[in-house]
Amino acid sequence: MADDLQRDGAEDQFKGKIKEGEGRLRDAAGGLTGNTSEQLKGKAQQLKGKAQQVKGKAQRKLGKAKTDADRDL
């Protein structure tokens, strides 16, 4: 279970980083073309990516804590 949390957390962190990068590109493309709607969508995507990264980090910490607790038993 703890290994699953750590693996899922790492996956969420990775996917969040990708989503944030895509949002940055979308924001930049909107800026170059003057499309403010696209810029806002890009900024929203960046925030979603950052949130997913935070979730992944929390999962990894929880998984590590469970592993450490199991080891102490």
N, C-alpha and C. Protein backbone atom coordinates (compact mmCIF):
# COMPACT_ATOMS: atom_id res chain seq x y z
N MET A 1 0.82 -1.20 0.00
CA MET A 1 0.00 0.00 0.00
C MET A 1 0.86 1.26 0.00
N ALA A 2 1.88 1.28 0.86
CA ALA A 2 2.74 2.47 0.94
C ALA A 2 3.51 2.64 -0.37
N ASP A 3 3.93 1.51 -0.97
CA ASP A 3 4.63 1.60 -2.25
C ASP A 3 3.71 2.14 -3.33
N ASP A 4 2.43 1.76 -3.27
CA ASP A 4 1.46 2.27 -4.24
C ASP A 4 1.30 3.78 -4.10
N LEU A 5 1.26 4.26 -2.87
CA LEU A 5 1.14 5.70 -2.65
C LEU A 5 2.35 6.44 -3.20
N GLN A 6 3.52 5.89 -2.96
CA GLN A 6 4.73 6.55 -3.45
C GLN A 6 4.78 6.53 -4.98
N ARG A 7 4.40 5.41 -5.57
CA ARG A 7 4.39 5.31 -7.03
C ARG A 7 3.35 6.26 -7.63
N ASP A 8 2.14 6.24 -7.06
CA ASP A 8 1.08 7.13 -7.54
C ASP A 8 1.47 8.60 -7.35
N GLY A 9 2.12 8.88 -6.25
CA GLY A 9 2.56 10.24 -5.98
C GLY A 9 3.58 10.71 -7.00
N ALA A 10 4.54 9.84 -7.31
CA ALA A 10 5.55 10.19 -8.31
C ALA A 10 4.90 10.42 -9.67
N GLU A 11 3.92 9.58 -9.98
CA GLU A 11 3.21 9.72 -11.25
C GLU A 11 2.44 11.04 -11.31
N ASP A 12 1.77 11.38 -10.21
CA ASP A 12 1.03 12.65 -10.16
C ASP A 12 1.98 13.84 -10.28
N GLN A 13 3.13 13.76 -9.63
CA GLN A 13 4.09 14.85 -9.73
C GLN A 13 4.55 15.02 -11.18
N PHE A 14 4.84 13.92 -11.83
CA PHE A 14 5.30 13.96 -13.22
C PHE A 14 4.22 14.53 -14.14
N LYS A 15 3.01 14.00 -14.01
CA LYS A 15 1.90 14.48 -14.85
C LYS A 15 1.60 15.95 -14.58
N GLY A 16 1.70 16.35 -13.33
CA GLY A 16 1.47 17.75 -12.98
C GLY A 16 2.51 18.66 -13.60
N LYS A 17 3.75 18.21 -13.63
CA LYS A 17 4.81 19.00 -14.24
C LYS A 17 4.55 19.16 -15.74
N ILE A 18 4.12 18.10 -16.39
CA ILE A 18 3.80 18.14 -17.82
C ILE A 18 2.63 19.11 -18.06
N LYS A 19 1.59 18.98 -17.25
CA LYS A 19 0.40 19.84 -17.39
C LYS A 19 0.78 21.31 -17.18
N GLU A 20 1.64 21.57 -16.21
CA GLU A 20 2.08 22.95 -15.97
C GLU A 20 2.85 23.48 -17.18
N GLY A 21 3.72 22.65 -17.74
CA GLY A 21 4.48 23.07 -18.92
C GLY A 21 3.58 23.35 -20.11
N GLU A 22 2.59 22.50 -20.31
CA GLU A 22 1.64 22.73 -21.40
C GLU A 22 0.89 24.04 -21.20
N GLY A 23 0.55 24.32 -19.94
CA GLY A 23 -0.14 25.57 -19.63
C GLY A 23 0.73 26.78 -19.92
N ARG A 24 2.02 26.66 -19.63
CA ARG A 24 2.95 27.76 -19.92
C ARG A 24 3.01 28.02 -21.42
N LEU A 25 3.08 26.93 -22.18
CA LEU A 25 3.11 27.08 -23.64
C LEU A 25 1.83 27.72 -24.16
N ARG A 26 0.71 27.27 -23.63
CA ARG A 26 -0.59 27.81 -24.05
C ARG A 26 -0.70 29.29 -23.71
N ASP A 27 -0.22 29.65 -22.52
CA ASP A 27 -0.23 31.04 -22.09
C ASP A 27 0.66 31.88 -23.02
N ALA A 28 1.83 31.38 -23.33
CA ALA A 28 2.75 32.11 -24.21
C ALA A 28 2.18 32.25 -25.61
N ALA A 29 1.58 31.18 -26.12
CA ALA A 29 0.99 31.24 -27.47
C ALA A 29 -0.14 32.27 -27.50
N GLY A 30 -0.93 32.30 -26.45
CA GLY A 30 -2.01 33.28 -26.37
C GLY A 30 -1.47 34.70 -26.32
N GLY A 31 -0.34 34.87 -25.64
CA GLY A 31 0.28 36.18 -25.56
C GLY A 31 0.82 36.64 -26.90
N LEU A 32 1.40 35.70 -27.64
CA LEU A 32 1.95 36.04 -28.95
C LEU A 32 0.87 36.39 -29.95
N THR A 33 -0.27 35.72 -29.84
CA THR A 33 -1.35 35.95 -30.80
C THR A 33 -2.36 36.99 -30.32
N GLY A 34 -2.19 37.45 -29.08
CA GLY A 34 -3.13 38.42 -28.53
C GLY A 34 -4.44 37.81 -28.09
N ASN A 35 -4.46 36.51 -27.89
CA ASN A 35 -5.68 35.80 -27.51
C ASN A 35 -5.71 35.67 -25.98
N THR A 36 -6.40 36.59 -25.32
CA THR A 36 -6.42 36.58 -23.86
C THR A 36 -7.16 35.37 -23.30
N SER A 37 -8.14 34.87 -24.02
CA SER A 37 -8.86 33.68 -23.58
C SER A 37 -7.90 32.49 -23.49
N GLU A 38 -7.05 32.36 -24.49
CA GLU A 38 -6.08 31.26 -24.51
C GLU A 38 -5.05 31.45 -23.39
N GLN A 39 -4.67 32.68 -23.13
CA GLN A 39 -3.75 32.95 -22.03
C GLN A 39 -4.35 32.52 -20.69
N LEU A 40 -5.62 32.87 -20.48
CA LEU A 40 -6.29 32.50 -19.23
C LEU A 40 -6.41 30.99 -19.09
N LYS A 41 -6.72 30.32 -20.19
CA LYS A 41 -6.80 28.86 -20.16
C LYS A 41 -5.43 28.26 -19.82
N GLY A 42 -4.38 28.87 -20.35
CA GLY A 42 -3.03 28.41 -20.05
C GLY A 42 -2.68 28.60 -18.59
N LYS A 43 -3.04 29.74 -18.04
CA LYS A 43 -2.77 30.01 -16.62
C LYS A 43 -3.55 29.04 -15.74
N ALA A 44 -4.78 28.74 -16.11
CA ALA A 44 -5.59 27.78 -15.35
C ALA A 44 -4.96 26.39 -15.41
N GLN A 45 -4.45 26.02 -16.57
CA GLN A 45 -3.81 24.72 -16.72
C GLN A 45 -2.53 24.66 -15.88
N GLN A 46 -1.81 25.76 -15.81
CA GLN A 46 -0.62 25.80 -14.96
C GLN A 46 -0.97 25.55 -13.51
N LEU A 47 -2.04 26.20 -13.05
CA LEU A 47 -2.47 26.02 -11.66
C LEU A 47 -2.90 24.58 -11.38
N LYS A 48 -3.61 23.98 -12.33
CA LYS A 48 -4.00 22.58 -12.17
C LYS A 48 -2.78 21.69 -12.08
N GLY A 49 -1.78 21.97 -12.90
CA GLY A 49 -0.55 21.19 -12.87
C GLY A 49 0.17 21.33 -11.54
N LYS A 50 0.23 22.55 -11.02
CA LYS A 50 0.88 22.77 -9.73
C LYS A 50 0.14 22.05 -8.62
N ALA A 51 -1.19 22.09 -8.66
CA ALA A 51 -2.00 21.40 -7.65
C ALA A 51 -1.77 19.89 -7.71
N GLN A 52 -1.66 19.36 -8.91
CA GLN A 52 -1.41 17.92 -9.07
C GLN A 52 -0.03 17.55 -8.52
N GLN A 53 0.92 18.44 -8.69
CA GLN A 53 2.26 18.20 -8.14
C GLN A 53 2.23 18.18 -6.62
N VAL A 54 1.49 19.10 -6.03
CA VAL A 54 1.38 19.16 -4.57
C VAL A 54 0.72 17.88 -4.05
N LYS A 55 -0.32 17.44 -4.74
CA LYS A 55 -1.01 16.20 -4.36
C LYS A 55 -0.04 15.03 -4.42
N GLY A 56 0.75 14.96 -5.48
CA GLY A 56 1.72 13.88 -5.64
C GLY A 56 2.77 13.90 -4.54
N LYS A 57 3.24 15.09 -4.19
CA LYS A 57 4.24 15.20 -3.14
C LYS A 57 3.67 14.72 -1.81
N ALA A 58 2.41 15.07 -1.53
CA ALA A 58 1.76 14.63 -0.29
C ALA A 58 1.61 13.11 -0.28
N GLN A 59 1.23 12.53 -1.41
CA GLN A 59 1.09 11.07 -1.49
C GLN A 59 2.44 10.39 -1.22
N ARG A 60 3.49 10.94 -1.80
CA ARG A 60 4.80 10.33 -1.61
C ARG A 60 5.24 10.41 -0.15
N LYS A 61 4.98 11.56 0.48
CA LYS A 61 5.34 11.70 1.90
C LYS A 61 4.55 10.73 2.77
N LEU A 62 3.25 10.60 2.46
CA LEU A 62 2.41 9.68 3.22
C LEU A 62 2.89 8.24 3.03
N GLY A 63 3.22 7.88 1.81
CA GLY A 63 3.73 6.54 1.54
C GLY A 63 5.02 6.27 2.27
N LYS A 64 5.91 7.25 2.30
CA LYS A 64 7.17 7.10 3.01
C LYS A 64 6.93 6.96 4.50
N ALA A 65 6.02 7.77 5.04
CA ALA A 65 5.70 7.69 6.47
C ALA A 65 5.14 6.31 6.83
N LYS A 66 4.28 5.78 5.96
CA LYS A 66 3.72 4.44 6.22
C LYS A 66 4.80 3.38 6.16
N THR A 67 5.71 3.50 5.21
CA THR A 67 6.81 2.54 5.09
C THR A 67 7.68 2.59 6.34
N ASP A 68 8.00 3.81 6.78
CA ASP A 68 8.81 3.96 7.99
C ASP A 68 8.09 3.40 9.22
N ALA A 69 6.79 3.63 9.33
CA ALA A 69 6.02 3.14 10.45
C ALA A 69 5.96 1.61 10.43
N ASP A 70 5.79 1.02 9.26
CA ASP A 70 5.75 -0.44 9.14
C ASP A 70 7.10 -1.04 9.52
N ARG A 71 8.17 -0.35 9.17
CA ARG A 71 9.50 -0.84 9.46
C ARG A 71 9.76 -0.84 10.99
N ASP A 72 9.18 0.14 11.66
CA ASP A 72 9.37 0.26 13.11
C ASP A 72 8.59 -0.79 13.89
N LEU A 73 7.59 -1.40 13.25
CA LEU A 73 6.78 -2.41 13.95
C LEU A 73 7.54 -3.66 14.09
